[in-house]
PDB file of N, CA and C in Angstrom:
ATOM      1  N   MET A   1      88.888  94.165  36.167  1.00  0.00           N
ATOM      2  CA  MET A   1      89.094  93.638  35.196  1.00  0.00           C
ATOM      3  C   MET A   1      88.508  92.088  35.148  1.00  0.00           C
ATOM      4  N   ARG A   2      87.709  91.797  34.197  1.00  0.00           N
ATOM      5  CA  ARG A   2      86.861  90.394  34.134  1.00  0.00           C
ATOM      6  C   ARG A   2      87.718  89.501  33.751  1.00  0.00           C
ATOM      7  N   VAL A   3      88.121  88.418  34.618  1.00  0.00           N
ATOM      8  CA  VAL A   3      89.186  87.492  34.195  1.00  0.00           C
ATOM      9  C   VAL A   3      88.639  85.947  34.597  1.00  0.00           C
ATOM     10  N   LYS A   4      87.303  85.948  34.410  1.00  0.00           N
ATOM     11  CA  LYS A   4      86.570  84.694  35.093  1.00  0.00           C
ATOM     12  C   LYS A   4      86.799  83.636  33.877  1.00  0.00           C
ATOM     13  N   GLY A   5      86.972  84.131  32.673  1.00  0.00           N
ATOM     14  CA  GLY A   5      87.048  83.256  31.500  1.00  0.00           C
ATOM     15  C   GLY A   5      88.368  82.545  31.250  1.00  0.00           C
ATOM     16  N   ILE A   6      89.329  83.114  31.870  1.00  0.00           N
ATOM     17  CA  ILE A   6      90.825  83.131  31.951  1.00  0.00           C
ATOM     18  C   ILE A   6      91.456  82.700  33.170  1.00  0.00           C
ATOM     19  N   PRO A   7      91.358  81.371  33.495  1.00  0.00           N
ATOM     20  CA  PRO A   7      91.762  80.881  35.092  1.00  0.00           C
ATOM     21  C   PRO A   7      93.154  81.083  35.227  1.00  0.00           C
ATOM     22  N   GLN A   8      94.247  81.166  34.181  1.00  0.00           N
ATOM     23  CA  GLN A   8      95.618  80.841  34.400  1.00  0.00           C
ATOM     24  C   GLN A   8      95.966  82.266  34.857  1.00  0.00           C
ATOM     25  N   LEU A   9      95.379  83.340  33.897  1.00  0.00           N
ATOM     26  CA  LEU A   9      95.322  84.703  34.523  1.00  0.00           C
ATOM     27  C   LEU A   9      94.916  85.125  35.553  1.00  0.00           C
ATOM     28  N   GLN A  10      93.797  84.505  36.162  1.00  0.00           N
ATOM     29  CA  GLN A  10      93.281  84.600  37.548  1.00  0.00           C
ATOM     30  C   GLN A  10      94.344  84.423  38.416  1.00  0.00           C
ATOM     31  N   GLU A  11      94.661  82.950  38.100  1.00  0.00           N
ATOM     32  CA  GLU A  11      95.909  82.335  39.344  1.00  0.00           C
ATOM     33  C   GLU A  11      97.027  83.295  39.635  1.00  0.00           C
ATOM     34  N   LEU A  12      97.383  83.908  38.093  1.00  0.00           N
ATOM     35  CA  LEU A  12      98.578  84.758  37.951  1.00  0.00           C
ATOM     36  C   LEU A  12      98.375  86.088  38.838  1.00  0.00           C
ATOM     37  N   LEU A  13      97.391  86.688  38.847  1.00  0.00           N
ATOM     38  CA  LEU A  13      96.799  87.915  39.581  1.00  0.00           C
ATOM     39  C   LEU A  13      96.648  87.426  40.969  1.00  0.00           C
ATOM     40  N   GLU A  14      96.215  86.475  41.554  1.00  0.00           N
ATOM     41  CA  GLU A  14      96.134  86.135  42.793  1.00  0.00           C
ATOM     42  C   GLU A  14      97.596  85.851  43.410  1.00  0.00           C
ATOM     43  N   GLY A  15      98.332  85.348  42.655  1.00  0.00           N
ATOM     44  CA  GLY A  15      99.721  84.969  43.169  1.00  0.00           C
ATOM     45  C   GLY A  15     100.518  86.271  43.226  1.00  0.00           C
ATOM     46  N   GLU A  16     100.139  87.200  42.465  1.00  0.00           N
ATOM     47  CA  GLU A  16     101.119  88.505  42.537  1.00  0.00           C
ATOM     48  C   GLU A  16     100.526  89.238  43.555  1.00  0.00           C
ATOM     49  N   ALA A  17      99.212  89.062  44.198  1.00  0.00           N
ATOM     50  CA  ALA A  17      98.430  89.874  45.078  1.00  0.00           C
ATOM     51  C   ALA A  17      98.913  89.148  46.363  1.00  0.00           C
ATOM     52  N   ILE A  18      99.185  88.009  46.372  1.00  0.00           N
ATOM     53  CA  ILE A  18      99.513  87.177  47.749  1.00  0.00           C
ATOM     54  C   ILE A  18     100.969  87.845  47.810  1.00  0.00           C
ATOM     55  N   ASP A  19     101.977  87.736  47.046  1.00  0.00           N
ATOM     56  CA  ASP A  19     103.402  88.050  47.117  1.00  0.00           C
ATOM     57  C   ASP A  19     103.344  89.509  47.434  1.00  0.00           C
ATOM     58  N   GLU A  20     102.831  90.492  47.022  1.00  0.00           N
ATOM     59  CA  GLU A  20     102.792  91.660  47.289  1.00  0.00           C
ATOM     60  C   GLU A  20     102.409  91.882  48.864  1.00  0.00           C
ATOM     61  N   LEU A  21     101.557  91.243  49.273  1.00  0.00           N
ATOM     62  CA  LEU A  21     100.917  91.304  50.656  1.00  0.00           C
ATOM     63  C   LEU A  21     101.943  90.574  51.563  1.00  0.00           C
ATOM     64  N   ASP A  22     102.599  89.538  51.248  1.00  0.00           N
ATOM     65  CA  ASP A  22     103.798  88.781  51.903  1.00  0.00           C
ATOM     66  C   ASP A  22     104.971  89.831  52.086  1.00  0.00           C
ATOM     67  N   ALA A  23     105.339  90.559  50.808  1.00  0.00           N
ATOM     68  CA  ALA A  23     106.309  91.558  50.988  1.00  0.00           C
ATOM     69  C   ALA A  23     106.033  92.594  51.895  1.00  0.00           C
ATOM     70  N   GLU A  24     104.804  93.275  51.646  1.00  0.00           N
ATOM     71  CA  GLU A  24     104.262  94.376  52.848  1.00  0.00           C
ATOM     72  C   GLU A  24     104.597  93.711  54.387  1.00  0.00           C
ATOM     73  N   ARG A  25     103.999  92.797  54.438  1.00  0.00           N
ATOM     74  CA  ARG A  25     103.886  92.047  55.726  1.00  0.00           C
ATOM     75  C   ARG A  25     105.285  92.052  56.156  1.00  0.00           C
ATOM     76  N   ASP A  26     106.327  91.461  55.563  1.00  0.00           N
ATOM     77  CA  ASP A  26     107.847  91.298  55.819  1.00  0.00           C
ATOM     78  C   ASP A  26     108.449  92.780  56.213  1.00  0.00           C
ATOM     79  N   GLU A  27     108.095  93.700  55.300  1.00  0.00           N
ATOM     80  CA  GLU A  27     108.559  94.898  55.300  1.00  0.00           C
ATOM     81  C   GLU A  27     108.285  95.699  56.842  1.00  0.00           C
ATOM     82  N   GLY A  28     106.651  95.468  57.126  1.00  0.00           N
ATOM     83  CA  GLY A  28     106.389  95.842  58.225  1.00  0.00           C
ATOM     84  C   GLY A  28     106.924  95.029  59.424  1.00  0.00           C
ATOM     85  N   HIS A  29     107.245  93.820  59.449  1.00  0.00           N
ATOM     86  CA  HIS A  29     108.099  93.058  60.473  1.00  0.00           C
ATOM     87  C   HIS A  29     109.398  93.664  60.869  1.00  0.00           C
ATOM     88  N   HIS A  30     109.978  93.948  59.847  1.00  0.00           N
ATOM     89  CA  HIS A  30     111.569  94.575  59.785  1.00  0.00           C
ATOM     90  C   HIS A  30     111.399  95.915  60.313  1.00  0.00           C
ATOM     91  N   ARG A  31     110.251  96.656  60.053  1.00  0.00           N
ATOM     92  CA  ARG A  31     110.440  98.244  60.685  1.00  0.00           C
ATOM     93  C   ARG A  31     110.022  97.747  62.052  1.00  0.00           C
ATOM     94  N   ALA A  32     109.131  97.278  62.426  1.00  0.00           N
ATOM     95  CA  ALA A  32     108.786  96.856  63.929  1.00  0.00           C
ATOM     96  C   ALA A  32     109.905  96.503  64.701  1.00  0.00           C
ATOM     97  N   ARG A  33     110.755  95.408  63.971  1.00  0.00           N
ATOM     98  CA  ARG A  33     111.944  94.997  64.814  1.00  0.00           C
ATOM     99  C   ARG A  33     112.840  96.194  64.872  1.00  0.00           C
ATOM    100  N   ASP A  34     113.251  97.095  63.931  1.00  0.00           N
ATOM    101  CA  ASP A  34     114.123  97.935  64.052  1.00  0.00           C
ATOM    102  C   ASP A  34     113.846  98.760  65.105  1.00  0.00           C
ATOM    103  N   ASN A  35     112.351  99.210  65.218  1.00  0.00           N
ATOM    104  CA  ASN A  35     112.136 100.108  66.078  1.00  0.00           C
ATOM    105  C   ASN A  35     111.993  99.483  67.522  1.00  0.00           C
ATOM    106  N   ILE A  36     111.464  98.504  67.655  1.00  0.00           N
ATOM    107  CA  ILE A  36     112.071  97.874  68.920  1.00  0.00           C
ATOM    108  C   ILE A  36     113.279  97.826  69.571  1.00  0.00           C
ATOM    109  N   ALA A  37     114.220  97.495  68.487  1.00  0.00           N
ATOM    110  CA  ALA A  37     115.589  97.568  68.945  1.00  0.00           C
ATOM    111  C   ALA A  37     116.147  98.784  69.314  1.00  0.00           C
ATOM    112  N   MET A  38     115.444  99.909  68.590  1.00  0.00           N
ATOM    113  CA  MET A  38     116.071 101.158  68.837  1.00  0.00           C
ATOM    114  C   MET A  38     115.372 101.846  70.202  1.00  0.00           C
ATOM    115  N   ILE A  39     114.232 101.505  70.584  1.00  0.00           N
ATOM    116  CA  ILE A  39     113.567 101.925  71.787  1.00  0.00           C
ATOM    117  C   ILE A  39     114.247 101.211  73.028  1.00  0.00           C
ATOM    118  N   GLN A  40     114.524  99.846  72.671  1.00  0.00           N
ATOM    119  CA  GLN A  40     115.623  99.026  73.534  1.00  0.00           C
ATOM    120  C   GLN A  40     116.642  99.699  74.204  1.00  0.00           C
ATOM    121  N   ALA A  41     117.405 100.088  73.002  1.00  0.00           N
ATOM    122  CA  ALA A  41     118.781 100.694  73.406  1.00  0.00           C
ATOM    123  C   ALA A  41     118.641 102.034  73.906  1.00  0.00           C
ATOM    124  N   GLU A  42     117.782 102.679  73.585  1.00  0.00           N
ATOM    125  CA  GLU A  42     117.398 103.930  74.471  1.00  0.00           C
ATOM    126  C   GLU A  42     117.156 103.789  75.920  1.00  0.00           C
ATOM    127  N   ASN A  43     116.099 102.785  75.959  1.00  0.00           N
ATOM    128  CA  ASN A  43     115.926 102.424  77.297  1.00  0.00           C
ATOM    129  C   ASN A  43     117.010 101.741  78.415  1.00  0.00           C
ATOM    130  N   ARG A  44     117.903 101.205  77.656  1.00  0.00           N
ATOM    131  CA  ARG A  44     119.095 100.807  77.998  1.00  0.00           C
ATOM    132  C   ARG A  44     120.091 101.789  78.801  1.00  0.00           C
ATOM    133  N   ARG A  45     120.298 102.710  77.911  1.00  0.00           N
ATOM    134  CA  ARG A  45     120.958 104.108  77.966  1.00  0.00           C
ATOM    135  C   ARG A  45     120.365 104.721  78.955  1.00  0.00           C
ATOM    136  N   SER A  46     119.197 104.684  79.141  1.00  0.00           N
ATOM    137  CA  SER A  46     118.507 105.685  80.341  1.00  0.00           C
ATOM    138  C   SER A  46     118.695 105.098  81.680  1.00  0.00           C
ATOM    139  N   TYR A  47     118.570 103.741  81.535  1.00  0.00           N
ATOM    140  CA  TYR A  47     118.628 103.082  82.904  1.00  0.00           C
ATOM    141  C   TYR A  47     120.117 102.799  83.318  1.00  0.00           C
ATOM    142  N   ASP A  48     121.134 102.703  82.623  1.00  0.00           N
ATOM    143  CA  ASP A  48     122.524 102.610  82.944  1.00  0.00           C
ATOM    144  C   ASP A  48     122.676 103.982  83.162  1.00  0.00           C
ATOM    145  N   ARG A  49     122.483 105.017  83.057  1.00  0.00           N
ATOM    146  CA  ARG A  49     122.694 106.432  83.162  1.00  0.00           C
ATOM    147  C   ARG A  49     122.686 106.771  84.744  1.00  0.00           C
ATOM    148  N   HIS A  50     121.681 106.271  85.306  1.00  0.00           N
ATOM    149  CA  HIS A  50     121.361 106.280  86.721  1.00  0.00           C
ATOM    150  C   HIS A  50     121.854 105.154  87.669  1.00  0.00           C
ATOM    151  N   ARG A  51     122.731 103.975  86.970  1.00  0.00           N
ATOM    152  CA  ARG A  51     123.248 103.162  87.945  1.00  0.00           C
ATOM    153  C   ARG A  51     124.595 103.286  88.063  1.00  0.00           C
ATOM    154  N   GLN A  52     124.915 102.683  89.227  1.00  0.00           N
ATOM    155  CA  GLN A  52     126.270 102.742  89.877  1.00  0.00           C
ATOM    156  C   GLN A  52     126.828 101.529  89.865  1.00  0.00           C
ATOM    157  N   ALA A  53     128.183 101.785  89.719  1.00  0.00           N
ATOM    158  CA  ALA A  53     129.041 100.224  89.431  1.00  0.00           C
ATOM    159  C   ALA A  53     129.133  99.477  90.793  1.00  0.00           C
ATOM    160  N   GLU A  54     128.935  98.379  90.768  1.00  0.00           N
ATOM    161  CA  GLU A  54     128.820  97.731  92.365  1.00  0.00           C
ATOM    162  C   GLU A  54     130.078  97.566  92.705  1.00  0.00           C
ATOM    163  N   THR A  55     130.150  97.416  94.240  1.00  0.00           N
ATOM    164  CA  THR A  55     131.501  97.547  94.613  1.00  0.00           C
ATOM    165  C   THR A  55     132.049  95.933  94.466  1.00  0.00           C
ATOM    166  N   GLU A  56     133.108  95.921  94.517  1.00  0.00           N
ATOM    167  CA  GLU A  56     133.760  94.245  94.533  1.00  0.00           C
ATOM    168  C   GLU A  56     134.362  94.090  95.751  1.00  0.00           C
ATOM    169  N   TYR A  57     134.334  92.971  96.235  1.00  0.00           N
ATOM    170  CA  TYR A  57     134.903  92.518  97.479  1.00  0.00           C
ATOM    171  C   TYR A  57     136.022  91.380  97.095  1.00  0.00           C
ATOM    172  N   THR A  58     136.812  91.500  98.250  1.00  0.00           N
ATOM    173  CA  THR A  58     137.760  90.229  98.156  1.00  0.00           C
ATOM    174  C   THR A  58     137.445  89.232  99.288  1.00  0.00           C
ATOM    175  N   THR A  59     138.124  87.951  99.098  1.00  0.00           N
ATOM    176  CA  THR A  59     137.810  86.896  99.997  1.00  0.00           C
ATOM    177  C   THR A  59     138.341  87.495 101.376  1.00  0.00           C
ATOM    178  N   ASP A  60     137.830  86.966 102.347  1.00  0.00           N
ATOM    179  CA  ASP A  60     138.317  87.391 103.958  1.00  0.00           C
ATOM    180  C   ASP A  60     138.093  88.627 104.489  1.00  0.00           C
ATOM    181  N   GLU A  61     137.281  89.698 103.405  1.00  0.00           N
ATOM    182  CA  GLU A  61     136.920  90.826 103.587  1.00  0.00           C
ATOM    183  C   GLU A  61     135.707  90.856 104.731  1.00  0.00           C
ATOM    184  N   LEU A  62     135.731  91.809 105.690  1.00  0.00           N
ATOM    185  CA  LEU A  62     134.407  91.984 106.703  1.00  0.00           C
ATOM    186  C   LEU A  62     133.423  92.738 105.857  1.00  0.00           C
ATOM    187  N   VAL A  63     132.392  92.279 105.677  1.00  0.00           N
ATOM    188  CA  VAL A  63     131.114  93.000 105.462  1.00  0.00           C
ATOM    189  C   VAL A  63     129.961  92.876 106.152  1.00  0.00           C
ATOM    190  N   ALA A  64     128.954  93.901 105.957  1.00  0.00           N
ATOM    191  CA  ALA A  64     127.548  93.890 106.635  1.00  0.00           C
ATOM    192  C   ALA A  64     126.688  93.584 105.452  1.00  0.00           C
ATOM    193  N   ILE A  65     125.798  92.559 105.823  1.00  0.00           N
ATOM    194  CA  ILE A  65     124.463  92.327 104.544  1.00  0.00           C
ATOM    195  C   ILE A  65     123.371  92.719 105.037  1.00  0.00           C
ATOM    196  N   LYS A  66     122.524  93.277 104.117  1.00  0.00           N
ATOM    197  CA  LYS A  66     121.228  94.008 104.385  1.00  0.00           C
ATOM    198  C   LYS A  66     120.173  92.926 104.833  1.00  0.00           C
ATOM    199  N   ARG A  67     119.231  93.349 105.987  1.00  0.00           N
ATOM    200  CA  ARG A  67     118.408  92.467 106.362  1.00  0.00           C
ATOM    201  C   ARG A  67     117.263  92.487 105.129  1.00  0.00           C
ATOM    202  N   THR A  68     116.913  91.059 104.621  1.00  0.00           N
ATOM    203  CA  THR A  68     116.058  91.038 103.661  1.00  0.00           C
ATOM    204  C   THR A  68     114.743  90.538 104.164  1.00  0.00           C
ATOM    205  N   GLN A  69     114.605  89.907 105.214  1.00  0.00           N
ATOM    206  CA  GLN A  69     113.270  89.497 105.669  1.00  0.00           C
ATOM    207  C   GLN A  69     112.822  90.167 106.778  1.00  0.00           C
ATOM    208  N   TYR A  70     111.554  90.738 106.679  1.00  0.00           N
ATOM    209  CA  TYR A  70     111.137  91.595 107.528  1.00  0.00           C
ATOM    210  C   TYR A  70     109.978  90.941 108.248  1.00  0.00           C
ATOM    211  N   GLY A  71     109.671  91.282 109.623  1.00  0.00           N
ATOM    212  CA  GLY A  71     108.485  90.838 109.921  1.00  0.00           C
ATOM    213  C   GLY A  71     108.019  92.047 111.160  1.00  0.00           C
ATOM    214  N   SER A  72     107.064  91.567 112.002  1.00  0.00           N
ATOM    215  CA  SER A  72     106.696  92.727 113.097  1.00  0.00           C
ATOM    216  C   SER A  72     107.818  92.636 114.062  1.00  0.00           C
ATOM    217  N   GLY A  73     108.105  93.583 114.552  1.00  0.00           N
ATOM    218  CA  GLY A  73     109.171  93.849 115.501  1.00  0.00           C
ATOM    219  C   GLY A  73     110.217  94.264 115.033  1.00  0.00           C
ATOM    220  N   LEU A  74     110.562  94.308 113.825  1.00  0.00           N
ATOM    221  CA  LEU A  74     111.757  94.608 113.072  1.00  0.00           C
ATOM    222  C   LEU A  74     111.981  96.161 112.534  1.00  0.00           C
ATOM    223  N   LYS A  75     110.881  96.962 112.724  1.00  0.00           N
ATOM    224  CA  LYS A  75     110.889  98.142 112.130  1.00  0.00           C
ATOM    225  C   LYS A  75     112.044  99.136 112.904  1.00  0.00           C
ATOM    226  N   LEU A  76     112.356  98.857 114.109  1.00  0.00           N
ATOM    227  CA  LEU A  76     113.436  99.641 114.655  1.00  0.00           C
ATOM    228  C   LEU A  76     114.688  99.033 114.857  1.00  0.00           C
ATOM    229  N   LYS A  77     114.820  97.828 114.161  1.00  0.00           N
ATOM    230  CA  LYS A  77     116.305  97.206 114.293  1.00  0.00           C
ATOM    231  C   LYS A  77     117.131  97.587 113.322  1.00  0.00           C
ATOM    232  N   ALA A  78     118.433  97.169 113.292  1.00  0.00           N
ATOM    233  CA  ALA A  78     119.282  97.731 112.304  1.00  0.00           C
ATOM    234  C   ALA A  78     119.009  96.859 110.944  1.00  0.00           C
ATOM    235  N   LYS A  79     119.148  97.913 109.863  1.00  0.00           N
ATOM    236  CA  LYS A  79     118.791  97.697 108.578  1.00  0.00           C
ATOM    237  C   LYS A  79     119.995  96.656 108.061  1.00  0.00           C
ATOM    238  N   TYR A  80     121.271  96.580 108.553  1.00  0.00           N
ATOM    239  CA  TYR A  80     122.147  95.645 108.238  1.00  0.00           C
ATOM    240  C   TYR A  80     122.556  94.629 109.366  1.00  0.00           C
ATOM    241  N   LEU A  81     122.935  93.551 108.819  1.00  0.00           N
ATOM    242  CA  LEU A  81     123.750  92.496 109.814  1.00  0.00           C
ATOM    243  C   LEU A  81     124.895  92.002 109.595  1.00  0.00           C
ATOM    244  N   GLY A  82     125.881  91.863 110.549  1.00  0.00           N
ATOM    245  CA  GLY A  82     127.276  91.786 110.350  1.00  0.00           C
ATOM    246  C   GLY A  82     127.910  91.638 111.747  1.00  0.00           C
ATOM    247  N   PRO A  83     129.180  91.424 111.663  1.00  0.00           N
ATOM    248  CA  PRO A  83     130.063  91.161 110.310  1.00  0.00           C
ATOM    249  C   PRO A  83     129.992  89.966 110.003  1.00  0.00           C
ATOM    250  N   TYR A  84     130.301  89.853 108.854  1.00  0.00           N
ATOM    251  CA  TYR A  84     130.098  88.667 107.890  1.00  0.00           C
ATOM    252  C   TYR A  84     131.706  88.852 107.176  1.00  0.00           C
ATOM    253  N   LYS A  85     132.165  87.317 107.027  1.00  0.00           N
ATOM    254  CA  LYS A  85     133.485  87.315 106.148  1.00  0.00           C
ATOM    255  C   LYS A  85     133.069  86.887 104.815  1.00  0.00           C
ATOM    256  N   VAL A  86     133.585  87.410 103.914  1.00  0.00           N
ATOM    257  CA  VAL A  86     133.355  86.773 102.527  1.00  0.00           C
ATOM    258  C   VAL A  86     134.224  85.739 102.369  1.00  0.00           C
ATOM    259  N   VAL A  87     133.509  84.466 101.942  1.00  0.00           N
ATOM    260  CA  VAL A  87     134.399  83.326 101.867  1.00  0.00           C
ATOM    261  C   VAL A  87     134.522  82.754 100.311  1.00  0.00           C
ATOM    262  N   LYS A  88     133.347  83.181  99.575  1.00  0.00           N
ATOM    263  CA  LYS A  88     133.775  82.823  97.898  1.00  0.00           C
ATOM    264  C   LYS A  88     133.124  83.817  97.140  1.00  0.00           C
ATOM    265  N   ILE A  89     133.782  84.001  96.159  1.00  0.00           N
ATOM    266  CA  ILE A  89     133.257  85.220  95.371  1.00  0.00           C
ATOM    267  C   ILE A  89     132.726  84.616  93.916  1.00  0.00           C
ATOM    268  N   MET A  90     131.505  84.589  93.560  1.00  0.00           N
ATOM    269  CA  MET A  90     130.776  83.901  92.582  1.00  0.00           C
ATOM    270  C   MET A  90     130.693  84.732  91.268  1.00  0.00           C
ATOM    271  N   ARG A  91     130.129  84.500  90.456  1.00  0.00           N
ATOM    272  CA  ARG A  91     129.763  85.120  89.078  1.00  0.00           C
ATOM    273  C   ARG A  91     128.755  86.234  89.440  1.00  0.00           C
ATOM    274  N   ARG A  92     128.628  87.174  88.744  1.00  0.00           N
ATOM    275  CA  ARG A  92     127.506  87.951  88.714  1.00  0.00           C
ATOM    276  C   ARG A  92     127.193  89.021  89.929  1.00  0.00           C
ATOM    277  N   GLY A  93     128.387  89.177  90.495  1.00  0.00           N
ATOM    278  CA  GLY A  93     128.365  90.097  91.513  1.00  0.00           C
ATOM    279  C   GLY A  93     127.770  89.393  92.851  1.00  0.00           C
ATOM    280  N   ARG A  94     127.878  87.992  93.136  1.00  0.00           N
ATOM    281  CA  ARG A  94     127.291  87.294  94.117  1.00  0.00           C
ATOM    282  C   ARG A  94     128.482  86.718  95.012  1.00  0.00           C
ATOM    283  N   TYR A  95     128.109  86.765  96.274  1.00  0.00           N
ATOM    284  CA  TYR A  95     129.255  86.238  97.297  1.00  0.00           C
ATOM    285  C   TYR A  95     128.702  85.380  98.342  1.00  0.00           C
ATOM    286  N   THR A  96     129.448  84.425  98.717  1.00  0.00           N
ATOM    287  CA  THR A  96     129.061  83.545  99.889  1.00  0.00           C
ATOM    288  C   THR A  96     129.773  84.112 101.086  1.00  0.00           C
ATOM    289  N   VAL A  97     128.821  84.428 101.975  1.00  0.00           N
ATOM    290  CA  VAL A  97     129.417  85.017 103.264  1.00  0.00           C
ATOM    291  C   VAL A  97     128.896  83.965 104.508  1.00  0.00           C
ATOM    292  N   GLU A  98     130.110  84.203 105.294  1.00  0.00           N
ATOM    293  CA  GLU A  98     129.801  83.483 106.616  1.00  0.00           C
ATOM    294  C   GLU A  98     129.903  84.500 107.786  1.00  0.00           C
ATOM    295  N   LYS A  99     129.146  83.979 108.918  1.00  0.00           N
ATOM    296  CA  LYS A  99     129.042  84.855 110.241  1.00  0.00           C
ATOM    297  C   LYS A  99     130.317  84.899 110.916  1.00  0.00           C
ATOM    298  N   VAL A 100     130.548  86.133 111.274  1.00  0.00           N
ATOM    299  CA  VAL A 100     131.856  86.391 112.292  1.00  0.00           C
ATOM    300  C   VAL A 100     131.309  86.502 113.664  1.00  0.00           C
ATOM    301  N   GLY A 101     131.613  85.689 114.712  1.00  0.00           N
ATOM    302  CA  GLY A 101     131.170  86.149 115.904  1.00  0.00           C
ATOM    303  C   GLY A 101     129.771  86.025 116.029  1.00  0.00           C
ATOM    304  N   ASP A 102     129.316  86.018 117.239  1.00  0.00           N
ATOM    305  CA  ASP A 102     127.722  86.030 117.942  1.00  0.00           C
ATOM    306  C   ASP A 102     126.857  87.101 117.506  1.00  0.00           C
ATOM    307  N   HIS A 103     126.171  86.909 116.876  1.00  0.00           N
ATOM    308  CA  HIS A 103     125.095  87.943 116.367  1.00  0.00           C
ATOM    309  C   HIS A 103     124.031  87.479 115.665  1.00  0.00           C
ATOM    310  N   GLU A 104     122.791  88.336 115.534  1.00  0.00           N
ATOM    311  CA  GLU A 104     121.694  87.851 114.831  1.00  0.00           C
ATOM    312  C   GLU A 104     121.874  87.590 113.321  1.00  0.00           C
ATOM    313  N   GLY A 105     121.262  86.896 112.570  1.00  0.00           N
ATOM    314  CA  GLY A 105     121.556  86.460 111.189  1.00  0.00           C
ATOM    315  C   GLY A 105     121.774  85.148 110.916  1.00  0.00           C
ATOM    316  N   PRO A 106     121.867  84.884 109.482  1.00  0.00           N
ATOM    317  CA  PRO A 106     122.145  83.478 108.934  1.00  0.00           C
ATOM    318  C   PRO A 106     123.719  83.150 109.307  1.00  0.00           C
ATOM    319  N   ASN A 107     124.052  81.764 109.410  1.00  0.00           N
ATOM    320  CA  ASN A 107     125.321  81.618 109.883  1.00  0.00           C
ATOM    321  C   ASN A 107     126.108  81.501 108.636  1.00  0.00           C
ATOM    322  N   ARG A 108     125.537  81.291 107.223  1.00  0.00           N
ATOM    323  CA  ARG A 108     126.109  81.237 106.050  1.00  0.00           C
ATOM    324  C   ARG A 108     125.059  81.565 104.911  1.00  0.00           C
ATOM    325  N   THR A 109     125.372  82.521 104.063  1.00  0.00           N
ATOM    326  CA  THR A 109     124.147  82.968 103.283  1.00  0.00           C
ATOM    327  C   THR A 109     125.067  83.530 101.855  1.00  0.00           C
ATOM    328  N   ILE A 110     124.069  83.188 100.742  1.00  0.00           N
ATOM    329  CA  ILE A 110     124.643  83.900  99.691  1.00  0.00           C
ATOM    330  C   ILE A 110     124.002  85.261  99.496  1.00  0.00           C
ATOM    331  N   THR A 111     124.739  86.431  98.980  1.00  0.00           N
ATOM    332  CA  THR A 111     124.157  87.602  98.601  1.00  0.00           C
ATOM    333  C   THR A 111     124.663  88.156  97.678  1.00  0.00           C
ATOM    334  N   VAL A 112     124.222  89.433  97.221  1.00  0.00           N
ATOM    335  CA  VAL A 112     124.680  90.064  95.908  1.00  0.00           C
ATOM    336  C   VAL A 112     125.430  91.264  96.681  1.00  0.00           C
ATOM    337  N   ALA A 113     126.109  92.172  95.690  1.00  0.00           N
ATOM    338  CA  ALA A 113     126.959  92.954  96.283  1.00  0.00           C
ATOM    339  C   ALA A 113     126.266  94.327  96.378  1.00  0.00           C
ATOM    340  N   GLU A 114     124.986  94.126  95.669  1.00  0.00           N
ATOM    341  CA  GLU A 114     124.124  95.520  95.818  1.00  0.00           C
ATOM    342  C   GLU A 114     123.406  95.568  97.702  1.00  0.00           C
ATOM    343  N   PHE A 115     123.397  94.220  98.140  1.00  0.00           N
ATOM    344  CA  PHE A 115     123.031  94.218  99.691  1.00  0.00           C
ATOM    345  C   PHE A 115     124.182  94.133 100.458  1.00  0.00           C
ATOM    346  N   MET A 116     125.126  94.635 100.114  1.00  0.00           N
ATOM    347  CA  MET A 116     126.330  94.463 100.996  1.00  0.00           C
ATOM    348  C   MET A 116     127.033  95.876 101.250  1.00  0.00           C
ATOM    349  N   LYS A 117     127.562  96.050 102.317  1.00  0.00           N
ATOM    350  CA  LYS A 117     128.698  97.072 102.555  1.00  0.00           C
ATOM    351  C   LYS A 117     129.833  96.774 103.269  1.00  0.00           C
ATOM    352  N   ARG A 118     130.772  97.449 103.236  1.00  0.00           N
ATOM    353  CA  ARG A 118     131.978  97.268 103.874  1.00  0.00           C
ATOM    354  C   ARG A 118     131.775  97.287 105.422  1.00  0.00           C
ATOM    355  N   TRP A 119     132.284  96.571 106.288  1.00  0.00           N
ATOM    356  CA  TRP A 119     131.933  96.506 107.664  1.00  0.00           C
ATOM    357  C   TRP A 119     132.511  97.726 108.377  1.00  0.00           C
ATOM    358  N   ASP A 120     131.875  98.669 109.080  1.00  0.00           N
ATOM    359  CA  ASP A 120     132.708  99.610 110.098  1.00  0.00           C
ATOM    360  C   ASP A 120     132.511  99.201 111.333  1.00  0.00           C
ATOM    361  N   PRO A 121     133.653  99.036 111.885  1.00  0.00           N
ATOM    362  CA  PRO A 121     133.708  98.622 113.428  1.00  0.00           C
ATOM    363  C   PRO A 121     132.972  99.427 114.332  1.00  0.00           C
ATOM    364  N   SER A 122     132.849 100.725 114.040  1.00  0.00           N
ATOM    365  CA  SER A 122     132.134 101.670 114.885  1.00  0.00           C
ATOM    366  C   SER A 122     130.669 101.301 114.751  1.00  0.00           C
ATOM    367  N   SER A 123     130.264 100.643 114.052  1.00  0.00           N
ATOM    368  CA  SER A 123     128.743 100.300 113.752  1.00  0.00           C
ATOM    369  C   SER A 123     128.237  99.269 114.685  1.00  0.00           C
ATOM    370  N   GLU A 124     129.088  98.604 115.539  1.00  0.00           N
ATOM    371  CA  GLU A 124     128.544  97.585 116.300  1.00  0.00           C
ATOM    372  C   GLU A 124     128.018  98.179 117.751  1.00  0.00           C
ATOM    373  N   ALA A 125     128.478  99.519 117.957  1.00  0.00           N
ATOM    374  CA  ALA A 125     127.647 100.169 119.223  1.00  0.00           C
ATOM    375  C   ALA A 125     125.900 100.364 118.811  1.00  0.00           C
ATOM    376  N   GLU A 126     125.544 100.274 117.632  1.00  0.00           N
ATOM    377  CA  GLU A 126     124.096 100.344 117.268  1.00  0.00           C
ATOM    378  C   GLU A 126     123.391  99.310 117.917  1.00  0.00           C
TER     379      GLU A 126
END
């Protein structure tokens, strides 16, 4: 359509085209956001399906903590250090633990429940 002679009509058509493109872009953004949310929900379900609930510990309970710093000559040493006493329970499954007795490891540290296990007195012989 030739609209060079009518500037108002040309502006009106350009405005309509811009509005239509904006609407298509917004619709594409909404579809993408919905698809991303759906995929994230599926990923969350898939991830949570294989997760195990973390063990909750109480204060003054004896635990062993996982050795998290490795170096040369540590390959054959015990994977867990302990015993440690739970001193403070923090948010999100974190615990402040303190060394009990004289053994290798830090005197006081913060660790997560994932890197802890209940202290087994028979493991001292290892």
